[in-house]
Amino acid sequence: ALEFDAAAVRELCNEDSAVGRSVSTAVAAVIADRLDSARTRLLDLFAP
């Protein structure tokens, strides 16, 4: 695993909009994948 100083990353994102967009896009992709997985698990449990 890689560990980053969150405050430093936020500051870098504020200073460089391209970095901010890249970080936001990467985080959004992870969130979307996890929401899709959670949806599938819930449907497997409770849907026809």
All heavy atoms as atom14 arrays in JSON, in Angstrom:
{
  "sequence": "ALEFDAAAVRELCNEDSAVGRSVSTAVAAVIADRLDSARTRLLDLFAP",
  "atom14_mask": [
    [1, 1, 1, 1, 1, 0, 0, 0, 0, 0, 0, 0, 0, 0],
    [1, 1, 1, 1, 1, 1, 1, 1, 0, 0, 0, 0, 0, 0],
    [1, 1, 1, 1, 1, 1, 1, 1, 1, 0, 0, 0, 0, 0],
    [1, 1, 1, 1, 1, 1, 1, 1, 1, 1, 1, 0, 0, 0],
    [1, 1, 1, 1, 1, 1, 1, 1, 0, 0, 0, 0, 0, 0],
    [1, 1, 1, 1, 1, 0, 0, 0, 0, 0, 0, 0, 0, 0],
    [1, 1, 1, 1, 1, 0, 0, 0, 0, 0, 0, 0, 0, 0],
    [1, 1, 1, 1, 1, 0, 0, 0, 0, 0, 0, 0, 0, 0],
    [1, 1, 1, 1, 1, 1, 1, 0, 0, 0, 0, 0, 0, 0],
    [1, 1, 1, 1, 1, 1, 1, 1, 1, 1, 1, 0, 0, 0],
    [1, 1, 1, 1, 1, 1, 1, 1, 1, 0, 0, 0, 0, 0],
    [1, 1, 1, 1, 1, 1, 1, 1, 0, 0, 0, 0, 0, 0],
    [1, 1, 1, 1, 1, 1, 0, 0, 0, 0, 0, 0, 0, 0],
    [1, 1, 1, 1, 1, 1, 1, 1, 0, 0, 0, 0, 0, 0],
    [1, 1, 1, 1, 1, 1, 1, 1, 1, 0, 0, 0, 0, 0],
    [1, 1, 1, 1, 1, 1, 1, 1, 0, 0, 0, 0, 0, 0],
    [1, 1, 1, 1, 1, 1, 0, 0, 0, 0, 0, 0, 0, 0],
    [1, 1, 1, 1, 1, 0, 0, 0, 0, 0, 0, 0, 0, 0],
    [1, 1, 1, 1, 1, 1, 1, 0, 0, 0, 0, 0, 0, 0],
    [1, 1, 1, 1, 0, 0, 0, 0, 0, 0, 0, 0, 0, 0],
    [1, 1, 1, 1, 1, 1, 1, 1, 1, 1, 1, 0, 0, 0],
    [1, 1, 1, 1, 1, 1, 0, 0, 0, 0, 0, 0, 0, 0],
    [1, 1, 1, 1, 1, 1, 1, 0, 0, 0, 0, 0, 0, 0],
    [1, 1, 1, 1, 1, 1, 0, 0, 0, 0, 0, 0, 0, 0],
    [1, 1, 1, 1, 1, 1, 1, 0, 0, 0, 0, 0, 0, 0],
    [1, 1, 1, 1, 1, 0, 0, 0, 0, 0, 0, 0, 0, 0],
    [1, 1, 1, 1, 1, 1, 1, 0, 0, 0, 0, 0, 0, 0],
    [1, 1, 1, 1, 1, 0, 0, 0, 0, 0, 0, 0, 0, 0],
    [1, 1, 1, 1, 1, 0, 0, 0, 0, 0, 0, 0, 0, 0],
    [1, 1, 1, 1, 1, 1, 1, 0, 0, 0, 0, 0, 0, 0],
    [1, 1, 1, 1, 1, 1, 1, 1, 0, 0, 0, 0, 0, 0],
    [1, 1, 1, 1, 1, 0, 0, 0, 0, 0, 0, 0, 0, 0],
    [1, 1, 1, 1, 1, 1, 1, 1, 0, 0, 0, 0, 0, 0],
    [1, 1, 1, 1, 1, 1, 1, 1, 1, 1, 1, 0, 0, 0],
    [1, 1, 1, 1, 1, 1, 1, 1, 0, 0, 0, 0, 0, 0],
    [1, 1, 1, 1, 1, 1, 1, 1, 0, 0, 0, 0, 0, 0],
    [1, 1, 1, 1, 1, 1, 0, 0, 0, 0, 0, 0, 0, 0],
    [1, 1, 1, 1, 1, 0, 0, 0, 0, 0, 0, 0, 0, 0],
    [1, 1, 1, 1, 1, 1, 1, 1, 1, 1, 1, 0, 0, 0],
    [1, 1, 1, 1, 1, 1, 1, 0, 0, 0, 0, 0, 0, 0],
    [1, 1, 1, 1, 1, 1, 1, 1, 1, 1, 1, 0, 0, 0],
    [1, 1, 1, 1, 1, 1, 1, 1, 0, 0, 0, 0, 0, 0],
    [1, 1, 1, 1, 1, 1, 1, 1, 0, 0, 0, 0, 0, 0],
    [1, 1, 1, 1, 1, 1, 1, 1, 0, 0, 0, 0, 0, 0],
    [1, 1, 1, 1, 1, 1, 1, 1, 0, 0, 0, 0, 0, 0],
    [1, 1, 1, 1, 1, 1, 1, 1, 1, 1, 1, 0, 0, 0],
    [1, 1, 1, 1, 1, 0, 0, 0, 0, 0, 0, 0, 0, 0],
    [1, 1, 1, 1, 1, 1, 1, 0, 0, 0, 0, 0, 0, 0]
  ],
  "atom14_positions": [
    [[0.83, -1.2, 0.0], [0.0, 0.0, 0.0], [0.87, 1.25, 0.0], [2.02, 1.22, 0.43], [-0.91, 0.0, 1.23], [0.0, 0.0, 0.0], [0.0, 0.0, 0.0], [0.0, 0.0, 0.0], [0.0, 0.0, 0.0], [0.0, 0.0, 0.0], [0.0, 0.0, 0.0], [0.0, 0.0, 0.0], [0.0, 0.0, 0.0], [0.0, 0.0, 0.0]],
    [[0.29, 2.32, -0.51], [0.94, 3.62, -0.49], [0.19, 4.51, 0.5], [-1.03, 4.45, 0.59], [0.91, 4.26, -1.88], [1.57, 3.47, -2.99], [1.32, 4.14, -4.33], [3.05, 3.32, -2.75], [0.0, 0.0, 0.0], [0.0, 0.0, 0.0], [0.0, 0.0, 0.0], [0.0, 0.0, 0.0], [0.0, 0.0, 0.0], [0.0, 0.0, 0.0]],
    [[0.94, 5.33, 1.21], [0.32, 6.24, 2.17], [0.7, 7.67, 1.78], [1.86, 7.95, 1.47], [0.81, 5.94, 3.59], [0.2, 6.82, 4.64], [0.66, 6.45, 6.04], [1.41, 5.48, 6.19], [0.27, 7.16, 6.98], [0.0, 0.0, 0.0], [0.0, 0.0, 0.0], [0.0, 0.0, 0.0], [0.0, 0.0, 0.0], [0.0, 0.0, 0.0]],
    [[-0.28, 8.55, 1.79], [-0.05, 9.95, 1.44], [-0.5, 10.84, 2.58], [-1.48, 10.54, 3.26], [-0.83, 10.33, 0.17], [-0.42, 9.54, -1.05], [-1.08, 8.39, -1.4], [0.64, 9.97, -1.82], [-0.71, 7.67, -2.52], [1.03, 9.25, -2.94], [0.35, 8.1, -3.29], [0.0, 0.0, 0.0], [0.0, 0.0, 0.0], [0.0, 0.0, 0.0]],
    [[0.17, 11.96, 2.74], [-0.23, 12.97, 3.72], [-1.45, 13.68, 3.14], [-1.36, 14.4, 2.14], [0.93, 13.94, 3.95], [0.59, 15.05, 4.93], [-0.54, 15.07, 5.47], [1.47, 15.89, 5.17], [0.0, 0.0, 0.0], [0.0, 0.0, 0.0], [0.0, 0.0, 0.0], [0.0, 0.0, 0.0], [0.0, 0.0, 0.0], [0.0, 0.0, 0.0]],
    [[-2.61, 13.47, 3.75], [-3.87, 13.99, 3.2], [-3.86, 15.52, 3.1], [-4.34, 16.07, 2.1], [-5.04, 13.53, 4.06], [0.0, 0.0, 0.0], [0.0, 0.0, 0.0], [0.0, 0.0, 0.0], [0.0, 0.0, 0.0], [0.0, 0.0, 0.0], [0.0, 0.0, 0.0], [0.0, 0.0, 0.0], [0.0, 0.0, 0.0], [0.0, 0.0, 0.0]],
    [[-3.33, 16.19, 4.1], [-3.3, 17.66, 4.05], [-2.44, 18.14, 2.88], [-2.81, 19.09, 2.18], [-2.78, 18.22, 5.37], [0.0, 0.0, 0.0], [0.0, 0.0, 0.0], [0.0, 0.0, 0.0], [0.0, 0.0, 0.0], [0.0, 0.0, 0.0], [0.0, 0.0, 0.0], [0.0, 0.0, 0.0], [0.0, 0.0, 0.0], [0.0, 0.0, 0.0]],
    [[-1.32, 17.48, 2.65], [-0.44, 17.86, 1.54], [-1.12, 17.61, 0.19], [-1.0, 18.42, -0.74], [0.88, 17.11, 1.62], [0.0, 0.0, 0.0], [0.0, 0.0, 0.0], [0.0, 0.0, 0.0], [0.0, 0.0, 0.0], [0.0, 0.0, 0.0], [0.0, 0.0, 0.0], [0.0, 0.0, 0.0], [0.0, 0.0, 0.0], [0.0, 0.0, 0.0]],
    [[-1.86, 16.5, 0.07], [-2.56, 16.2, -1.18], [-3.66, 17.22, -1.42], [-3.82, 17.72, -2.55], [-3.13, 14.76, -1.16], [-4.04, 14.51, -2.36], [-2.01, 13.73, -1.12], [0.0, 0.0, 0.0], [0.0, 0.0, 0.0], [0.0, 0.0, 0.0], [0.0, 0.0, 0.0], [0.0, 0.0, 0.0], [0.0, 0.0, 0.0], [0.0, 0.0, 0.0]],
    [[-4.43, 17.57, -0.38], [-5.47, 18.6, -0.54], [-4.86, 19.93, -0.98], [-5.4, 20.63, -1.85], [-6.27, 18.77, 0.74], [-7.26, 17.66, 0.99], [-8.25, 18.01, 2.09], [-7.61, 18.28, 3.37], [-7.32, 17.36, 4.28], [-7.6, 16.1, 4.04], [-6.75, 17.69, 5.42], [0.0, 0.0, 0.0], [0.0, 0.0, 0.0], [0.0, 0.0, 0.0]],
    [[-3.74, 20.3, -0.38], [-3.07, 21.56, -0.74], [-2.61, 21.52, -2.2], [-2.79, 22.48, -2.95], [-1.89, 21.81, 0.19], [-1.17, 23.12, -0.06], [-2.05, 24.34, 0.17], [-2.95, 24.29, 1.03], [-1.85, 25.35, -0.54], [0.0, 0.0, 0.0], [0.0, 0.0, 0.0], [0.0, 0.0, 0.0], [0.0, 0.0, 0.0], [0.0, 0.0, 0.0]],
    [[-2.04, 20.4, -2.62], [-1.59, 20.25, -4.01], [-2.78, 20.33, -4.97], [-2.68, 20.96, -6.03], [-0.86, 18.92, -4.19], [-0.29, 18.63, -5.57], [0.73, 19.7, -5.98], [0.37, 17.25, -5.59], [0.0, 0.0, 0.0], [0.0, 0.0, 0.0], [0.0, 0.0, 0.0], [0.0, 0.0, 0.0], [0.0, 0.0, 0.0], [0.0, 0.0, 0.0]],
    [[-3.9, 19.72, -4.59], [-5.11, 19.79, -5.42], [-5.61, 21.22, -5.54], [-6.1, 21.63, -6.6], [-6.2, 18.89, -4.85], [-5.87, 17.13, -5.02], [0.0, 0.0, 0.0], [0.0, 0.0, 0.0], [0.0, 0.0, 0.0], [0.0, 0.0, 0.0], [0.0, 0.0, 0.0], [0.0, 0.0, 0.0], [0.0, 0.0, 0.0], [0.0, 0.0, 0.0]],
    [[-5.52, 22.0, -4.46], [-5.93, 23.4, -4.49], [-5.0, 24.25, -5.35], [-5.44, 25.18, -6.02], [-5.99, 23.98, -3.08], [-7.18, 23.48, -2.3], [-8.18, 23.1, -2.88], [-7.04, 23.45, -0.98], [0.0, 0.0, 0.0], [0.0, 0.0, 0.0], [0.0, 0.0, 0.0], [0.0, 0.0, 0.0], [0.0, 0.0, 0.0], [0.0, 0.0, 0.0]],
    [[-3.71, 23.91, -5.34], [-2.73, 24.68, -6.1], [-2.74, 24.35, -7.59], [-2.48, 25.22, -8.42], [-1.32, 24.43, -5.55], [-1.1, 24.99, -4.17], [0.24, 24.58, -3.57], [1.01, 23.87, -4.26], [0.51, 24.96, -2.42], [0.0, 0.0, 0.0], [0.0, 0.0, 0.0], [0.0, 0.0, 0.0], [0.0, 0.0, 0.0], [0.0, 0.0, 0.0]],
    [[-3.0, 23.11, -7.94], [-2.94, 22.66, -9.34], [-4.26, 21.98, -9.7], [-4.52, 20.87, -9.27], [-1.76, 21.69, -9.52], [-1.51, 21.32, -10.97], [-2.43, 21.46, -11.8], [-0.39, 20.87, -11.27], [0.0, 0.0, 0.0], [0.0, 0.0, 0.0], [0.0, 0.0, 0.0], [0.0, 0.0, 0.0], [0.0, 0.0, 0.0], [0.0, 0.0, 0.0]],
    [[-5.06, 22.66, -10.51], [-6.39, 22.14, -10.81], [-6.34, 20.82, -11.58], [-7.24, 19.98, -11.44], [-7.21, 23.17, -11.6], [-6.57, 23.47, -12.83], [0.0, 0.0, 0.0], [0.0, 0.0, 0.0], [0.0, 0.0, 0.0], [0.0, 0.0, 0.0], [0.0, 0.0, 0.0], [0.0, 0.0, 0.0], [0.0, 0.0, 0.0], [0.0, 0.0, 0.0]],
    [[-5.31, 20.59, -12.38], [-5.18, 19.32, -13.11], [-5.0, 18.16, -12.13], [-5.58, 17.08, -12.3], [-4.02, 19.37, -14.09], [0.0, 0.0, 0.0], [0.0, 0.0, 0.0], [0.0, 0.0, 0.0], [0.0, 0.0, 0.0], [0.0, 0.0, 0.0], [0.0, 0.0, 0.0], [0.0, 0.0, 0.0], [0.0, 0.0, 0.0], [0.0, 0.0, 0.0]],
    [[-4.19, 18.37, -11.1], [-4.0, 17.34, -10.07], [-5.32, 17.12, -9.33], [-5.72, 15.99, -9.08], [-2.87, 17.73, -9.08], [-2.82, 16.75, -7.92], [-1.55, 17.79, -9.79], [0.0, 0.0, 0.0], [0.0, 0.0, 0.0], [0.0, 0.0, 0.0], [0.0, 0.0, 0.0], [0.0, 0.0, 0.0], [0.0, 0.0, 0.0], [0.0, 0.0, 0.0]],
    [[-6.01, 18.2, -9.0], [-7.29, 18.1, -8.31], [-8.3, 17.3, -9.11], [-9.02, 16.45, -8.57], [0.0, 0.0, 0.0], [0.0, 0.0, 0.0], [0.0, 0.0, 0.0], [0.0, 0.0, 0.0], [0.0, 0.0, 0.0], [0.0, 0.0, 0.0], [0.0, 0.0, 0.0], [0.0, 0.0, 0.0], [0.0, 0.0, 0.0], [0.0, 0.0, 0.0]],
    [[-8.38, 17.57, -10.42], [-9.3, 16.81, -11.28], [-8.91, 15.34, -11.33], [-9.77, 14.45, -11.27], [-9.32, 17.4, -12.69], [-10.23, 18.59, -12.84], [-10.44, 18.98, -14.3], [-9.18, 19.23, -15.0], [-8.53, 20.39, -15.0], [-9.02, 21.42, -14.32], [-7.41, 20.55, -15.66], [0.0, 0.0, 0.0], [0.0, 0.0, 0.0], [0.0, 0.0, 0.0]],
    [[-7.63, 15.05, -11.43], [-7.17, 13.66, -11.48], [-7.5, 12.91, -10.2], [-7.98, 11.77, -10.24], [-5.66, 13.6, -11.75], [-5.37, 14.1, -13.02], [0.0, 0.0, 0.0], [0.0, 0.0, 0.0], [0.0, 0.0, 0.0], [0.0, 0.0, 0.0], [0.0, 0.0, 0.0], [0.0, 0.0, 0.0], [0.0, 0.0, 0.0], [0.0, 0.0, 0.0]],
    [[-7.24, 13.54, -9.07], [-7.54, 12.91, -7.78], [-9.05, 12.72, -7.64], [-9.52, 11.64, -7.25], [-6.96, 13.73, -6.61], [-7.48, 13.22, -5.27], [-5.45, 13.69, -6.64], [0.0, 0.0, 0.0], [0.0, 0.0, 0.0], [0.0, 0.0, 0.0], [0.0, 0.0, 0.0], [0.0, 0.0, 0.0], [0.0, 0.0, 0.0], [0.0, 0.0, 0.0]],
    [[-9.83, 13.74, -7.97], [-11.28, 13.64, -7.87], [-11.84, 12.55, -8.78], [-12.73, 11.78, -8.39], [-11.94, 14.97, -8.23], [-11.58, 15.95, -7.3], [0.0, 0.0, 0.0], [0.0, 0.0, 0.0], [0.0, 0.0, 0.0], [0.0, 0.0, 0.0], [0.0, 0.0, 0.0], [0.0, 0.0, 0.0], [0.0, 0.0, 0.0], [0.0, 0.0, 0.0]],
    [[-11.31, 12.45, -9.99], [-11.75, 11.41, -10.93], [-11.42, 10.02, -10.4], [-12.25, 9.11, -10.47], [-11.1, 11.62, -12.31], [-11.5, 12.91, -12.8], [-11.53, 10.56, -13.3], [0.0, 0.0, 0.0], [0.0, 0.0, 0.0], [0.0, 0.0, 0.0], [0.0, 0.0, 0.0], [0.0, 0.0, 0.0], [0.0, 0.0, 0.0], [0.0, 0.0, 0.0]],
    [[-10.23, 9.85, -9.85], [-9.83, 8.55, -9.31], [-10.7, 8.17, -8.11], [-11.16, 7.02, -8.01], [-8.35, 8.57, -8.91], [0.0, 0.0, 0.0], [0.0, 0.0, 0.0], [0.0, 0.0, 0.0], [0.0, 0.0, 0.0], [0.0, 0.0, 0.0], [0.0, 0.0, 0.0], [0.0, 0.0, 0.0], [0.0, 0.0, 0.0], [0.0, 0.0, 0.0]],
    [[-10.95, 9.12, -7.23], [-11.79, 8.85, -6.06], [-13.23, 8.55, -6.5], [-13.86, 7.61, -6.0], [-11.75, 10.03, -5.06], [-12.79, 9.88, -3.98], [-10.36, 10.14, -4.45], [0.0, 0.0, 0.0], [0.0, 0.0, 0.0], [0.0, 0.0, 0.0], [0.0, 0.0, 0.0], [0.0, 0.0, 0.0], [0.0, 0.0, 0.0], [0.0, 0.0, 0.0]],
    [[-13.74, 9.31, -7.45], [-15.11, 9.09, -7.93], [-15.24, 7.71, -8.57], [-16.28, 7.05, -8.4], [-15.5, 10.18, -8.93], [0.0, 0.0, 0.0], [0.0, 0.0, 0.0], [0.0, 0.0, 0.0], [0.0, 0.0, 0.0], [0.0, 0.0, 0.0], [0.0, 0.0, 0.0], [0.0, 0.0, 0.0], [0.0, 0.0, 0.0], [0.0, 0.0, 0.0]],
    [[-14.23, 7.25, -9.28], [-14.28, 5.92, -9.9], [-14.36, 4.83, -8.83], [-15.12, 3.86, -8.98], [-13.06, 5.71, -10.79], [0.0, 0.0, 0.0], [0.0, 0.0, 0.0], [0.0, 0.0, 0.0], [0.0, 0.0, 0.0], [0.0, 0.0, 0.0], [0.0, 0.0, 0.0], [0.0, 0.0, 0.0], [0.0, 0.0, 0.0], [0.0, 0.0, 0.0]],
    [[-13.59, 4.98, -7.76], [-13.64, 4.0, -6.66], [-15.01, 4.02, -6.0], [-15.61, 2.97, -5.73], [-12.52, 4.27, -5.64], [-12.69, 3.42, -4.4], [-11.15, 4.03, -6.27], [0.0, 0.0, 0.0], [0.0, 0.0, 0.0], [0.0, 0.0, 0.0], [0.0, 0.0, 0.0], [0.0, 0.0, 0.0], [0.0, 0.0, 0.0], [0.0, 0.0, 0.0]],
    [[-15.54, 5.21, -5.75], [-16.85, 5.34, -5.12], [-17.93, 4.69, -6.01], [-18.78, 3.94, -5.52], [-17.2, 6.81, -4.84], [-16.29, 7.35, -3.74], [-18.67, 6.98, -4.45], [-16.38, 8.85, -3.55], [0.0, 0.0, 0.0], [0.0, 0.0, 0.0], [0.0, 0.0, 0.0], [0.0, 0.0, 0.0], [0.0, 0.0, 0.0], [0.0, 0.0, 0.0]],
    [[-17.89, 4.96, -7.32], [-18.87, 4.39, -8.24], [-18.8, 2.86, -8.24], [-19.83, 2.18, -8.22], [-18.66, 4.94, -9.64], [0.0, 0.0, 0.0], [0.0, 0.0, 0.0], [0.0, 0.0, 0.0], [0.0, 0.0, 0.0], [0.0, 0.0, 0.0], [0.0, 0.0, 0.0], [0.0, 0.0, 0.0], [0.0, 0.0, 0.0], [0.0, 0.0, 0.0]],
    [[-17.6, 2.31, -8.25], [-17.42, 0.86, -8.24], [-17.97, 0.26, -6.95], [-18.66, -0.77, -6.96], [-15.94, 0.52, -8.42], [-15.72, -0.98, -8.51], [-16.34, -1.62, -9.38], [-14.93, -1.51, -7.7], [0.0, 0.0, 0.0], [0.0, 0.0, 0.0], [0.0, 0.0, 0.0], [0.0, 0.0, 0.0], [0.0, 0.0, 0.0], [0.0, 0.0, 0.0]],
    [[-17.69, 0.9, -5.83], [-18.17, 0.39, -4.55], [-19.69, 0.48, -4.44], [-20.35, -0.41, -3.9], [-17.5, 1.12, -3.39], [-16.04, 0.75, -3.29], [-15.35, 1.44, -2.16], [-13.93, 1.11, -2.15], [-13.08, 1.52, -1.23], [-13.5, 2.25, -0.23], [-11.82, 1.18, -1.31], [0.0, 0.0, 0.0], [0.0, 0.0, 0.0], [0.0, 0.0, 0.0]],
    [[-20.29, 1.57, -4.95], [-21.74, 1.7, -4.94], [-22.38, 0.62, -5.82], [-23.41, 0.03, -5.46], [-22.18, 3.09, -5.41], [-21.98, 4.21, -4.4], [-22.24, 5.56, -5.07], [-22.88, 4.03, -3.2], [0.0, 0.0, 0.0], [0.0, 0.0, 0.0], [0.0, 0.0, 0.0], [0.0, 0.0, 0.0], [0.0, 0.0, 0.0], [0.0, 0.0, 0.0]],
    [[-21.79, 0.35, -6.98], [-22.29, -0.68, -7.87], [-22.22, -2.06, -7.18], [-23.16, -2.84, -7.25], [-21.5, -0.69, -9.17], [-22.06, -1.67, -10.18], [-23.31, -1.77, -10.29], [-21.26, -2.33, -10.86], [0.0, 0.0, 0.0], [0.0, 0.0, 0.0], [0.0, 0.0, 0.0], [0.0, 0.0, 0.0], [0.0, 0.0, 0.0], [0.0, 0.0, 0.0]],
    [[-21.12, -2.32, -6.49], [-20.98, -3.6, -5.77], [-22.0, -3.71, -4.65], [-22.6, -4.78, -4.46], [-19.56, -3.73, -5.2], [-18.62, -3.81, -6.23], [0.0, 0.0, 0.0], [0.0, 0.0, 0.0], [0.0, 0.0, 0.0], [0.0, 0.0, 0.0], [0.0, 0.0, 0.0], [0.0, 0.0, 0.0], [0.0, 0.0, 0.0], [0.0, 0.0, 0.0]],
    [[-22.21, -2.62, -3.92], [-23.2, -2.64, -2.84], [-24.6, -2.85, -3.4], [-25.39, -3.63, -2.84], [-23.13, -1.33, -2.05], [0.0, 0.0, 0.0], [0.0, 0.0, 0.0], [0.0, 0.0, 0.0], [0.0, 0.0, 0.0], [0.0, 0.0, 0.0], [0.0, 0.0, 0.0], [0.0, 0.0, 0.0], [0.0, 0.0, 0.0], [0.0, 0.0, 0.0]],
    [[-24.91, -2.22, -4.51], [-26.21, -2.4, -5.16], [-26.41, -3.85, -5.55], [-27.46, -4.44, -5.29], [-26.3, -1.51, -6.39], [-27.54, -1.73, -7.23], [-27.39, -1.05, -8.61], [-28.44, -1.45, -9.49], [-28.41, -2.53, -10.26], [-27.36, -3.32, -10.26], [-29.42, -2.83, -11.03], [0.0, 0.0, 0.0], [0.0, 0.0, 0.0], [0.0, 0.0, 0.0]],
    [[-25.41, -4.44, -6.15], [-25.5, -5.84, -6.58], [-25.71, -6.76, -5.38], [-26.55, -7.67, -5.42], [-24.25, -6.24, -7.36], [-24.12, -5.39, -8.5], [-24.32, -7.68, -7.82], [0.0, 0.0, 0.0], [0.0, 0.0, 0.0], [0.0, 0.0, 0.0], [0.0, 0.0, 0.0], [0.0, 0.0, 0.0], [0.0, 0.0, 0.0], [0.0, 0.0, 0.0]],
    [[-24.96, -6.53, -4.3], [-25.11, -7.37, -3.1], [-26.52, -7.23, -2.52], [-27.13, -8.23, -2.11], [-24.06, -7.01, -2.06], [-22.67, -7.52, -2.43], [-21.7, -7.43, -1.27], [-21.57, -6.1, -0.71], [-20.7, -5.18, -1.11], [-19.88, -5.44, -2.1], [-20.67, -4.0, -0.54], [0.0, 0.0, 0.0], [0.0, 0.0, 0.0], [0.0, 0.0, 0.0]],
    [[-27.04, -6.01, -2.47], [-28.39, -5.8, -1.95], [-29.44, -6.48, -2.83], [-30.38, -7.09, -2.32], [-28.69, -4.31, -1.8], [-27.97, -3.61, -0.66], [-28.16, -2.1, -0.78], [-28.48, -4.11, 0.68], [0.0, 0.0, 0.0], [0.0, 0.0, 0.0], [0.0, 0.0, 0.0], [0.0, 0.0, 0.0], [0.0, 0.0, 0.0], [0.0, 0.0, 0.0]],
    [[-29.27, -6.38, -4.14], [-30.21, -7.04, -5.04], [-30.13, -8.56, -4.89], [-31.15, -9.24, -4.94], [-29.95, -6.62, -6.49], [-30.39, -5.2, -6.85], [-29.91, -4.84, -8.25], [-31.9, -5.06, -6.75], [0.0, 0.0, 0.0], [0.0, 0.0, 0.0], [0.0, 0.0, 0.0], [0.0, 0.0, 0.0], [0.0, 0.0, 0.0], [0.0, 0.0, 0.0]],
    [[-28.93, -9.08, -4.72], [-28.78, -10.52, -4.52], [-29.5, -10.98, -3.27], [-30.04, -12.08, -3.22], [-27.3, -10.91, -4.44], [-26.61, -10.89, -5.79], [-27.32, -10.88, -6.82], [-25.36, -10.9, -5.81], [0.0, 0.0, 0.0], [0.0, 0.0, 0.0], [0.0, 0.0, 0.0], [0.0, 0.0, 0.0], [0.0, 0.0, 0.0], [0.0, 0.0, 0.0]],
    [[-29.5, -10.15, -2.25], [-30.14, -10.52, -0.98], [-31.65, -10.36, -1.01], [-32.38, -11.18, -0.46], [-29.57, -9.68, 0.16], [-28.16, -10.01, 0.61], [-27.67, -8.96, 1.61], [-28.11, -11.39, 1.25], [0.0, 0.0, 0.0], [0.0, 0.0, 0.0], [0.0, 0.0, 0.0], [0.0, 0.0, 0.0], [0.0, 0.0, 0.0], [0.0, 0.0, 0.0]],
    [[-32.15, -9.27, -1.62], [-33.55, -8.91, -1.44], [-34.41, -8.88, -2.7], [-35.62, -8.73, -2.61], [-33.64, -7.53, -0.77], [-32.98, -7.49, 0.57], [-31.81, -6.77, 0.77], [-33.51, -8.2, 1.64], [-31.19, -6.74, 2.02], [-32.9, -8.19, 2.89], [-31.74, -7.45, 3.07], [0.0, 0.0, 0.0], [0.0, 0.0, 0.0], [0.0, 0.0, 0.0]],
    [[-33.84, -8.97, -3.88], [-34.61, -8.86, -5.11], [-34.87, -10.24, -5.72], [-34.2, -11.21, -5.37], [-33.87, -7.97, -6.11], [0.0, 0.0, 0.0], [0.0, 0.0, 0.0], [0.0, 0.0, 0.0], [0.0, 0.0, 0.0], [0.0, 0.0, 0.0], [0.0, 0.0, 0.0], [0.0, 0.0, 0.0], [0.0, 0.0, 0.0], [0.0, 0.0, 0.0]],
    [[-35.81, -10.32, -6.64], [-36.06, -11.59, -7.33], [-34.81, -12.07, -8.06], [-33.96, -11.27, -8.44], [-37.17, -11.26, -8.32], [-37.8, -10.01, -7.8], [-36.72, -9.27, -7.07], [0.0, 0.0, 0.0], [0.0, 0.0, 0.0], [0.0, 0.0, 0.0], [0.0, 0.0, 0.0], [0.0, 0.0, 0.0], [0.0, 0.0, 0.0], [0.0, 0.0, 0.0]]
  ]
}
